[in-house]
């Protein structure tokens, strides 16, 4: 699955022959992203919630993948929700871009598929936004939590409290 790992090892072998001036900043950034993704994808696949599946259309592009969430409890039980994730070159300083491909009514997903989840925001008012210490595993678990019973209870409590 992680065919990019062999490419990265091969690139490491070529580093000795390169001069620092020939490698551009963008190439270096992509390389850092790809190195992180090799480790994070392996960790993600080992710790994936049972209600989630990850699919890589192109195994050489770990920065583009699809996530399927199939909730086993709550209001959305039995549904199948597709998400498209793209990890930008500046990762892990900026969050991945995630879009919901499934038409759904959800308080945190717009009609166009934009997702309101604080950890996907570069800057968040509540201080729980993206940080370089977060990983793809956090993103997947965060998306999965949008469909759990616990999340629904929090939304209902919020509505009760602020709808006075």
Protein backbone atom coordinates (compact mmCIF):
# COMPACT_ATOMS: atom_id res chain seq x y z
CA UNK A 1 0.00 0.00 0.00
CA UNK A 2 2.66 2.49 0.95
CA UNK A 3 4.53 2.52 -2.32
CA UNK A 4 5.61 6.09 -1.70
CA UNK A 5 7.95 4.81 1.05
CA UNK A 6 10.20 3.12 -1.48
CA UNK A 7 10.28 6.33 -3.52
CA UNK A 8 11.29 8.33 -0.46
CA UNK A 9 14.09 5.87 0.34
CA UNK A 10 15.34 6.14 -3.23
CA UNK A 11 15.21 9.96 -3.00
CA UNK A 12 17.25 9.81 0.23
CA UNK A 13 19.97 7.94 -1.64
CA UNK A 14 20.09 10.65 -4.29
CA UNK A 15 20.34 13.47 -1.75
CA UNK A 16 24.08 13.08 -1.40
CA UNK A 17 24.58 13.99 -5.06
CA UNK A 18 22.31 17.05 -4.92
CA UNK A 19 23.40 20.49 -3.90
CA UNK A 20 21.11 22.43 -1.60
CA UNK A 21 20.77 25.21 -4.16
CA UNK A 22 19.10 22.93 -6.72
CA UNK A 23 16.23 21.85 -4.46
CA UNK A 24 13.50 24.47 -4.42
CA UNK A 25 11.50 25.34 -1.29
CA UNK A 26 8.31 23.86 -2.73
CA UNK A 27 10.03 20.56 -3.50
CA UNK A 28 11.40 20.44 0.01
CA UNK A 29 7.94 21.15 1.47
CA UNK A 30 6.30 18.42 -0.61
CA UNK A 31 9.01 16.03 0.51
CA UNK A 32 8.31 16.86 4.17
CA UNK A 33 4.59 16.38 3.60
CA UNK A 34 5.13 13.05 1.88
CA UNK A 35 7.44 11.84 4.64
CA UNK A 36 4.83 12.72 7.25
CA UNK A 37 2.07 11.07 5.24
CA UNK A 38 3.91 7.75 4.95
CA UNK A 39 4.09 7.54 8.76
CA UNK A 40 0.62 8.97 9.39
CA UNK A 41 -1.17 6.74 6.87
CA UNK A 42 0.41 3.65 8.43
CA UNK A 43 -0.72 4.83 11.89
CA UNK A 44 -4.16 5.73 10.56
CA UNK A 45 -4.72 2.33 8.96
CA UNK A 46 -3.68 0.63 12.22
CA UNK A 47 -6.06 2.78 14.33
CA UNK A 48 -9.04 3.25 12.03
CA UNK A 49 -12.48 3.25 13.70
CA UNK A 50 -14.56 0.20 12.74
CA UNK A 51 -17.09 2.54 11.12
CA UNK A 52 -14.53 4.07 8.73
CA UNK A 53 -12.76 2.93 5.58
CA UNK A 54 -9.97 4.77 3.75
CA UNK A 55 -9.44 4.42 0.00
CA UNK A 56 -6.47 5.73 -1.97
CA UNK A 57 -7.43 6.05 -5.67
CA UNK A 58 -3.71 6.35 -6.52
CA UNK A 59 -1.39 4.62 -4.00
CA UNK A 60 1.45 6.92 -5.08
CA UNK A 61 -0.52 10.00 -4.02
CA UNK A 62 -1.05 9.65 -0.30
CA UNK A 63 -2.11 13.30 -0.16
CA UNK A 64 -5.43 12.53 -1.91
CA UNK A 65 -7.76 9.94 -0.39
CA UNK A 66 -11.38 9.16 0.26
CA UNK A 67 -12.97 8.31 3.58
CA UNK A 68 -16.23 6.43 4.02
CA UNK A 69 -18.03 6.71 7.35
CA UNK A 70 -20.80 4.18 8.05
CA UNK A 71 -22.28 5.01 11.50
CA UNK A 72 -23.43 2.08 13.59
CA UNK A 73 -25.44 4.14 16.09
CA UNK A 74 -27.57 7.25 16.35
CA UNK A 75 -29.63 9.20 13.87
CA UNK A 76 -27.34 8.46 10.91
CA UNK A 77 -27.09 4.70 11.58
CA UNK A 78 -27.02 2.69 8.37
CA UNK A 79 -25.95 5.68 6.25
CA UNK A 80 -22.84 5.75 4.11
CA UNK A 81 -21.06 9.10 3.91
CA UNK A 82 -18.17 9.82 1.55
CA UNK A 83 -15.50 12.42 2.22
CA UNK A 84 -12.72 13.60 -0.07
CA UNK A 85 -9.49 14.65 1.62
CA UNK A 86 -6.62 16.55 0.11
CA UNK A 87 -3.49 17.27 2.09
CA UNK A 88 -1.86 20.55 0.97
CA UNK A 89 1.87 21.03 0.35
CA UNK A 90 2.20 23.10 3.54
CA UNK A 91 0.95 20.23 5.71
CA UNK A 92 1.35 19.95 8.78
CA UNK A 93 1.36 23.68 9.31
CA UNK A 94 -2.08 23.89 7.66
CA UNK A 95 -4.97 21.43 7.98
CA UNK A 96 -6.10 19.03 5.28
CA UNK A 97 -8.97 20.13 3.07
CA UNK A 98 -11.99 17.86 3.54
CA UNK A 99 -15.26 17.90 1.60
CA UNK A 100 -18.35 15.78 2.08
CA UNK A 101 -19.39 14.22 -1.23
CA UNK A 102 -22.67 12.78 0.09
CA UNK A 103 -25.78 14.97 0.08
CA UNK A 104 -26.89 15.08 3.70
CA UNK A 105 -28.65 17.28 6.21
CA UNK A 106 -26.26 17.74 9.10
CA UNK A 107 -25.77 20.79 11.32
CA UNK A 108 -22.03 20.75 10.60
CA UNK A 109 -22.08 20.04 6.85
CA UNK A 110 -23.28 22.59 4.28
CA UNK A 111 -25.20 21.84 1.10
CA UNK A 112 -21.96 22.19 -0.85
CA UNK A 113 -20.12 19.72 1.38
CA UNK A 114 -18.10 22.14 3.50
CA UNK A 115 -17.49 20.84 6.99
CA UNK A 116 -17.62 22.85 10.20
CA UNK A 117 -15.20 21.06 12.49
CA UNK A 118 -12.83 23.15 14.58
CA UNK A 119 -9.80 20.92 14.03
CA UNK A 120 -10.10 21.54 10.26
CA UNK A 121 -9.74 25.29 10.77
CA UNK A 122 -6.37 26.93 10.62
CA UNK A 123 -7.50 29.47 13.22
CA UNK A 124 -10.32 28.72 15.62
CA UNK A 125 -12.03 31.01 18.11
CA UNK A 126 -12.27 28.28 20.74
CA UNK A 127 -8.56 27.44 20.49
CA UNK A 128 -9.16 23.87 19.34
CA UNK A 129 -8.27 24.49 15.70
CA UNK A 130 -5.51 22.91 13.68
CA UNK A 131 -2.08 22.55 15.24
CA UNK A 132 1.07 20.95 13.80
CA UNK A 133 0.75 18.24 16.46
CA UNK A 134 -2.50 16.97 14.94
CA UNK A 135 -2.51 14.08 12.46
CA UNK A 136 -4.75 12.49 9.85
CA UNK A 137 -5.93 10.10 12.55
CA UNK A 138 -7.36 13.10 14.45
CA UNK A 139 -9.17 14.25 11.31
CA UNK A 140 -10.72 10.83 10.64
CA UNK A 141 -11.80 10.39 14.26
CA UNK A 142 -13.21 13.94 14.24
CA UNK A 143 -15.26 13.25 11.10
CA UNK A 144 -16.45 9.96 12.58
CA UNK A 145 -17.55 11.75 15.76
CA UNK A 146 -19.92 13.94 13.74
CA UNK A 147 -22.17 10.89 13.40
CA UNK A 148 -22.10 9.46 16.92
CA UNK A 149 -24.87 9.63 19.49
CA UNK A 150 -22.62 11.65 21.82
CA UNK A 151 -22.31 14.40 19.19
CA UNK A 152 -26.08 14.53 18.74
CA UNK A 153 -26.55 14.93 22.50
CA UNK A 154 -24.07 17.83 22.54
CA UNK A 155 -25.96 19.58 19.72
CA UNK A 156 -29.28 19.12 21.49
CA UNK A 157 -27.82 20.50 24.74
CA UNK A 158 -26.40 23.48 22.84
CA UNK A 159 -29.79 24.21 21.24
CA UNK A 160 -31.60 23.94 24.58
CA UNK A 161 -29.13 26.26 26.25
CA UNK A 162 -29.06 28.98 23.58
CA UNK A 163 -32.67 28.79 22.33
CA UNK A 164 -34.08 30.49 25.45
